C-alpha atoms as a PDB file:
ATOM      1  CA  MET A   1      92.230 101.479 158.559  1.00  0.00           C
ATOM      2  CA  THR A   2      96.035 100.146 158.936  1.00  0.00           C
ATOM      3  CA  PRO A   3      98.745 101.772 160.403  1.00  0.00           C
ATOM      4  CA  VAL A   4     100.395 101.295 156.634  1.00  0.00           C
ATOM      5  CA  GLN A   5      97.484 102.965 155.097  1.00  0.00           C
ATOM      6  CA  GLN A   6      97.752 105.542 157.694  1.00  0.00           C
ATOM      7  CA  SER A   7     101.698 106.364 156.608  1.00  0.00           C
ATOM      8  CA  ILE A   8     100.055 106.612 153.215  1.00  0.00           C
ATOM      9  CA  LEU A   9      97.808 109.137 153.658  1.00  0.00           C
ATOM     10  CA  GLY A  10     100.091 110.757 155.991  1.00  0.00           C
ATOM     11  CA  LEU A  11     102.802 111.099 153.407  1.00  0.00           C
ATOM     12  CA  ALA A  12     100.538 111.847 150.491  1.00  0.00           C
ATOM     13  CA  ALA A  13      98.604 114.754 152.289  1.00  0.00           C
ATOM     14  CA  ASN A  14     100.398 117.184 150.001  1.00  0.00           C
ATOM     15  CA  GLY A  15     101.438 115.477 147.005  1.00  0.00           C
ATOM     16  CA  VAL A  16     104.018 112.809 146.318  1.00  0.00           C
ATOM     17  CA  ARG A  17     105.698 110.999 143.318  1.00  0.00           C
ATOM     18  CA  ALA A  18     104.952 107.303 144.043  1.00  0.00           C
ATOM     19  CA  ALA A  19     108.368 106.168 144.061  1.00  0.00           C
ATOM     20  CA  ASP A  20     109.118 108.689 146.584  1.00  0.00           C
ATOM     21  CA  LEU A  21     106.472 107.317 148.259  1.00  0.00           C
ATOM     22  CA  LYS A  22     106.550 103.101 147.791  1.00  0.00           C
ATOM     23  CA  GLN A  23     110.355 104.228 149.195  1.00  0.00           C
ATOM     24  CA  ALA A  24     109.123 105.612 152.560  1.00  0.00           C
ATOM     25  CA  VAL A  25     106.164 103.131 152.934  1.00  0.00           C
ATOM     26  CA  LEU A  26     108.667 100.546 152.740  1.00  0.00           C
ATOM     27  CA  LEU A  27     111.055 101.944 154.862  1.00  0.00           C
ATOM     28  CA  ALA A  28     109.015 102.921 157.826  1.00  0.00           C
ATOM     29  CA  HIS A  29     106.935  99.402 157.309  1.00  0.00           C
ATOM     30  CA  PRO A  30     109.584  96.688 156.929  1.00  0.00           C
ATOM     31  CA  PRO A  31     108.037  93.412 156.849  1.00  0.00           C
ATOM     32  CA  LEU A  32     105.818  94.896 154.463  1.00  0.00           C
ATOM     33  CA  ASP A  33     106.187  93.338 150.745  1.00  0.00           C
ATOM     34  CA  GLU A  34     105.129  94.860 147.183  1.00  0.00           C
ATOM     35  CA  VAL A  35     102.171  93.004 147.386  1.00  0.00           C
ATOM     36  CA  GLN A  36     100.531  94.403 150.836  1.00  0.00           C
ATOM     37  CA  TYR A  37     101.754  97.741 149.668  1.00  0.00           C
ATOM     38  CA  LEU A  38      99.983  98.095 146.341  1.00  0.00           C
ATOM     39  CA  ALA A  39      96.772  96.148 148.245  1.00  0.00           C
ATOM     40  CA  ALA A  40      97.049  99.202 150.708  1.00  0.00           C
ATOM     41  CA  LEU A  41      97.230 101.558 147.852  1.00  0.00           C
ATOM     42  CA  LEU A  42      94.499  99.711 146.142  1.00  0.00           C
ATOM     43  CA  GLY A  43      91.861 100.435 149.134  1.00  0.00           C
ATOM     44  CA  LEU A  44      92.878 103.437 149.579  1.00  0.00           C
ATOM     45  CA  GLN A  45      91.647 104.469 146.310  1.00  0.00           C
ATOM     46  CA  GLU A  46      88.690 102.444 146.379  1.00  0.00           C
ATOM     47  CA  GLU A  47      87.157 104.364 149.789  1.00  0.00           C
ATOM     48  CA  ASP A  48      87.815 107.526 148.019  1.00  0.00           C
ATOM     49  CA  LEU A  49      91.001 108.745 149.937  1.00  0.00           C
ATOM     50  CA  LEU A  50      93.503 108.357 147.603  1.00  0.00           C
ATOM     51  CA  VAL A  51      93.733 109.357 143.956  1.00  0.00           C
ATOM     52  CA  GLY A  52      96.745 108.914 141.851  1.00  0.00           C
ATOM     53  CA  GLN A  53      98.013 111.075 138.412  1.00  0.00           C
ATOM     54  CA  GLU A  54     100.637 111.674 136.228  1.00  0.00           C
ATOM     55  CA  LEU A  55     101.999 115.216 136.344  1.00  0.00           C
ATOM     56  CA  ASP A  56     104.935 116.414 133.984  1.00  0.00           C
ATOM     57  CA  GLY A  57     105.516 112.259 132.839  1.00  0.00           C
ATOM     58  CA  GLU A  58     105.382 110.930 136.672  1.00  0.00           C
ATOM     59  CA  TRP A  59     103.097 109.508 139.111  1.00  0.00           C
ATOM     60  CA  TYR A  60     101.830 111.387 141.835  1.00  0.00           C
ATOM     61  CA  TYR A  61      99.529 110.296 144.489  1.00  0.00           C
ATOM     62  CA  GLN A  62      97.872 112.937 146.536  1.00  0.00           C
ATOM     63  CA  THR A  63      95.058 112.316 149.351  1.00  0.00           C
ATOM     64  CA  LEU A  64      91.115 113.004 148.584  1.00  0.00           C
ATOM     65  CA  ASP A  65      89.121 114.833 151.690  1.00  0.00           C
ATOM     66  CA  LYS A  66      85.181 113.990 150.975  1.00  0.00           C
ATOM     67  CA  ASN A  67      84.650 117.244 153.207  1.00  0.00           C
ATOM     68  CA  SER A  68      85.824 119.491 151.146  1.00  0.00           C
ATOM     69  CA  PRO A  69      83.261 121.404 148.866  1.00  0.00           C
ATOM     70  CA  ASP A  70      84.788 120.538 145.614  1.00  0.00           C
ATOM     71  CA  TYR A  71      84.579 116.795 146.257  1.00  0.00           C
ATOM     72  CA  GLN A  72      83.455 115.058 143.213  1.00  0.00           C
ATOM     73  CA  PRO A  73      83.987 111.009 143.796  1.00  0.00           C
ATOM     74  CA  LEU A  74      85.745 109.575 141.667  1.00  0.00           C
ATOM     75  CA  GLU A  75      84.814 106.397 139.253  1.00  0.00           C
ATOM     76  CA  TYR A  76      87.430 103.512 138.932  1.00  0.00           C
ATOM     77  CA  SER A  77      87.099  99.974 136.745  1.00  0.00           C
ATOM     78  CA  ALA A  78      89.475  97.021 137.530  1.00  0.00           C
ATOM     79  CA  GLU A  79      91.202  97.949 133.787  1.00  0.00           C
ATOM     80  CA  PHE A  80      91.944 101.604 135.082  1.00  0.00           C
ATOM     81  CA  ALA A  81      93.368 100.608 138.649  1.00  0.00           C
ATOM     82  CA  GLU A  82      95.461  97.431 137.288  1.00  0.00           C
ATOM     83  CA  LYS A  83      96.808 100.455 135.150  1.00  0.00           C
ATOM     84  CA  ILE A  84      97.608 102.656 138.021  1.00  0.00           C
ATOM     85  CA  ILE A  85      99.100  99.814 140.482  1.00  0.00           C
ATOM     86  CA  ALA A  86     101.472  98.658 137.022  1.00  0.00           C
ATOM     87  CA  THR A  87     102.312 102.637 136.492  1.00  0.00           C
ATOM     88  CA  SER A  88     103.579 102.680 140.211  1.00  0.00           C
ATOM     89  CA  CYS A  89     105.652  99.632 139.584  1.00  0.00           C
ATOM     90  CA  GLU A  90     107.065  99.180 136.329  1.00  0.00           C
ATOM     91  CA  GLU A  91     105.634  99.539 132.719  1.00  0.00           C
ATOM     92  CA  PHE A  92     102.647  97.825 131.845  1.00  0.00           C
ATOM     93  CA  THR A  93     103.111  94.410 129.577  1.00  0.00           C
ATOM     94  CA  GLU A  94     100.331  92.614 128.132  1.00  0.00           C
ATOM     95  CA  ILE A  95     101.282  88.551 128.276  1.00  0.00           C
ATOM     96  CA  ASP A  96     100.037  86.245 125.819  1.00  0.00           C
ATOM     97  CA  VAL A  97      99.696  83.432 127.672  1.00  0.00           C
ATOM     98  CA  ASP A  98      99.733  80.301 124.841  1.00  0.00           C
ATOM     99  CA  ALA A  99     103.249  81.934 123.565  1.00  0.00           C
ATOM    100  CA  TYR A 100     104.360  82.318 127.121  1.00  0.00           C
ATOM    101  CA  LEU A 101     103.747  78.681 127.776  1.00  0.00           C
ATOM    102  CA  ALA A 102     105.072  77.514 124.677  1.00  0.00           C
ATOM    103  CA  GLU A 103     108.190  79.306 125.735  1.00  0.00           C
ATOM    104  CA  LEU A 104     108.105  77.307 128.683  1.00  0.00           C
ATOM    105  CA  LEU A 105     107.277  74.096 127.692  1.00  0.00           C
ATOM    106  CA  ALA A 106     110.507  74.644 125.060  1.00  0.00           C
ATOM    107  CA  LYS A 107     112.824  75.406 127.731  1.00  0.00           C
ATOM    108  CA  THR A 108     111.621  72.581 129.825  1.00  0.00           C
ATOM    109  CA  THR A 109     112.041  69.888 127.044  1.00  0.00           C
ATOM    110  CA  LYS A 110     115.279  71.571 126.236  1.00  0.00           C
ATOM    111  CA  ALA A 111     116.313  71.439 129.586  1.00  0.00           C
ATOM    112  CA  ASN A 112     115.110  67.527 130.154  1.00  0.00           C
ATOM    113  CA  LYS A 113     117.172  66.393 127.231  1.00  0.00           C
ATOM    114  CA  GLY A 114     120.240  68.469 128.953  1.00  0.00           C
ATOM    115  CA  GLN A 115     119.796  65.757 131.427  1.00  0.00           C
END
């Protein structure tokens, strides 16, 4: 387990807001970037050590204890994991790739005409 994952588990032991967790981990590990942080979160979730849930309109993380008699393994799909990560960052928005490429082409064409 990495030092970043250990920090996350320590901070989430009693439950923590996603925004507070992210801020504390990024402050404690200055060279850490967004992608590394999210990878650490996902890794802990895949190992059933961390769970996220919405409470009162905010996303929270809490550690899981596999030795607890109440422990039940969680099931995640790739789509659900993406939504968890997106919720931690900002609102999830699907992009129409064809429309995005057409817009990019139009902007590039316009920029080239201006030169």
